Amino acid sequence: MATNRDTLTGVPEPIKSLLSEKRFSINSLADETGIAYSTLRRRLREPNALTMGDLLRIATALDVSPSALIPAALTAASAAA
């Protein structure tokens, strides 16, 4: 059975891309989300570290839909399952 962490593998890359595109630093994202800087930095480095709560808070801070943070390959795999 898949866990929340299993389903979020690969999510850090779209977040990093949006940070660059929107000219956000990890520090400013930490401030916006309320996630400690060291925790956020670690979660963006480790593929399975993000939680669904993190994803929602990050999406809100970046003003995007949570689905925008999920790689297309992951959503296609979920749909096929």
Protein backbone atom coordinates (compact mmCIF):
# COMPACT_ATOMS: atom_id res chain seq x y z
CA MET A 1 0.00 0.00 0.00
CA ALA A 2 1.34 3.45 -0.94
CA THR A 3 1.90 5.98 1.80
CA ASN A 4 1.73 9.76 1.53
CA ARG A 5 5.51 9.85 1.31
CA ASP A 6 5.58 7.22 -1.47
CA THR A 7 3.26 9.29 -3.62
CA LEU A 8 5.37 12.45 -3.30
CA THR A 9 8.59 11.05 -4.76
CA GLY A 10 9.91 13.46 -7.38
CA VAL A 11 8.01 16.50 -6.14
CA PRO A 12 11.05 18.56 -5.06
CA GLU A 13 12.13 19.26 -8.67
CA PRO A 14 8.96 21.14 -9.71
CA ILE A 15 9.13 23.07 -6.43
CA LYS A 16 12.73 24.06 -7.09
CA SER A 17 11.81 25.14 -10.63
CA LEU A 18 8.96 27.30 -9.35
CA LEU A 19 11.19 28.83 -6.69
CA SER A 20 13.58 29.92 -9.41
CA GLU A 21 10.81 31.09 -11.75
CA LYS A 22 9.10 33.13 -9.03
CA ARG A 23 12.43 34.33 -7.60
CA PHE A 24 11.74 32.82 -4.19
CA SER A 25 14.54 31.66 -1.94
CA ILE A 26 14.19 28.63 0.29
CA ASN A 27 14.39 31.05 3.20
CA SER A 28 11.45 33.12 1.93
CA LEU A 29 9.48 29.95 1.21
CA ALA A 30 10.17 28.78 4.76
CA ASP A 31 8.85 32.10 6.08
CA GLU A 32 5.72 31.91 3.90
CA THR A 33 4.92 28.30 4.78
CA GLY A 34 5.86 28.32 8.45
CA ILE A 35 8.12 25.31 7.83
CA ALA A 36 11.50 25.75 9.50
CA TYR A 37 14.25 26.60 7.00
CA SER A 38 16.39 23.58 7.94
CA THR A 39 13.39 21.26 7.70
CA LEU A 40 12.31 22.64 4.33
CA ARG A 41 15.83 22.46 2.94
CA ARG A 42 16.18 18.84 4.06
CA ARG A 43 12.78 17.90 2.63
CA LEU A 44 13.66 19.42 -0.73
CA ARG A 45 16.85 17.36 -0.86
CA GLU A 46 15.33 14.01 0.16
CA PRO A 47 12.94 12.54 -2.43
CA ASN A 48 10.48 11.03 0.07
CA ALA A 49 10.66 13.65 2.81
CA LEU A 50 7.75 15.92 1.81
CA THR A 51 4.35 15.35 3.37
CA MET A 52 0.96 16.20 1.90
CA GLY A 53 0.71 19.02 4.45
CA ASP A 54 4.05 20.40 3.23
CA LEU A 55 2.86 20.20 -0.36
CA LEU A 56 -0.32 22.14 0.40
CA ARG A 57 1.53 24.84 2.33
CA ILE A 58 4.15 25.19 -0.42
CA ALA A 59 1.51 25.37 -3.16
CA THR A 60 -0.32 28.09 -1.24
CA ALA A 61 2.89 30.08 -0.71
CA LEU A 62 3.82 29.79 -4.41
CA ASP A 63 0.24 30.59 -5.47
CA VAL A 64 -0.15 27.43 -7.54
CA SER A 65 -2.38 24.39 -7.42
CA PRO A 66 -0.90 21.44 -5.52
CA SER A 67 -1.22 19.44 -8.75
CA ALA A 68 1.28 21.84 -10.37
CA LEU A 69 3.91 20.47 -7.98
CA ILE A 70 3.37 16.84 -8.91
CA PRO A 71 5.48 15.62 -11.84
CA ALA A 72 3.52 14.56 -14.92
CA ALA A 73 5.09 11.09 -14.85
CA LEU A 74 3.81 10.55 -11.33
CA THR A 75 0.26 11.60 -12.14
CA ALA A 76 0.25 9.37 -15.23
CA ALA A 77 1.45 6.41 -13.15
CA SER A 78 -1.26 7.06 -10.55
CA ALA A 79 -3.94 7.25 -13.22
CA ALA A 80 -2.81 3.96 -14.74
CA ALA A 81 -2.90 2.15 -11.38
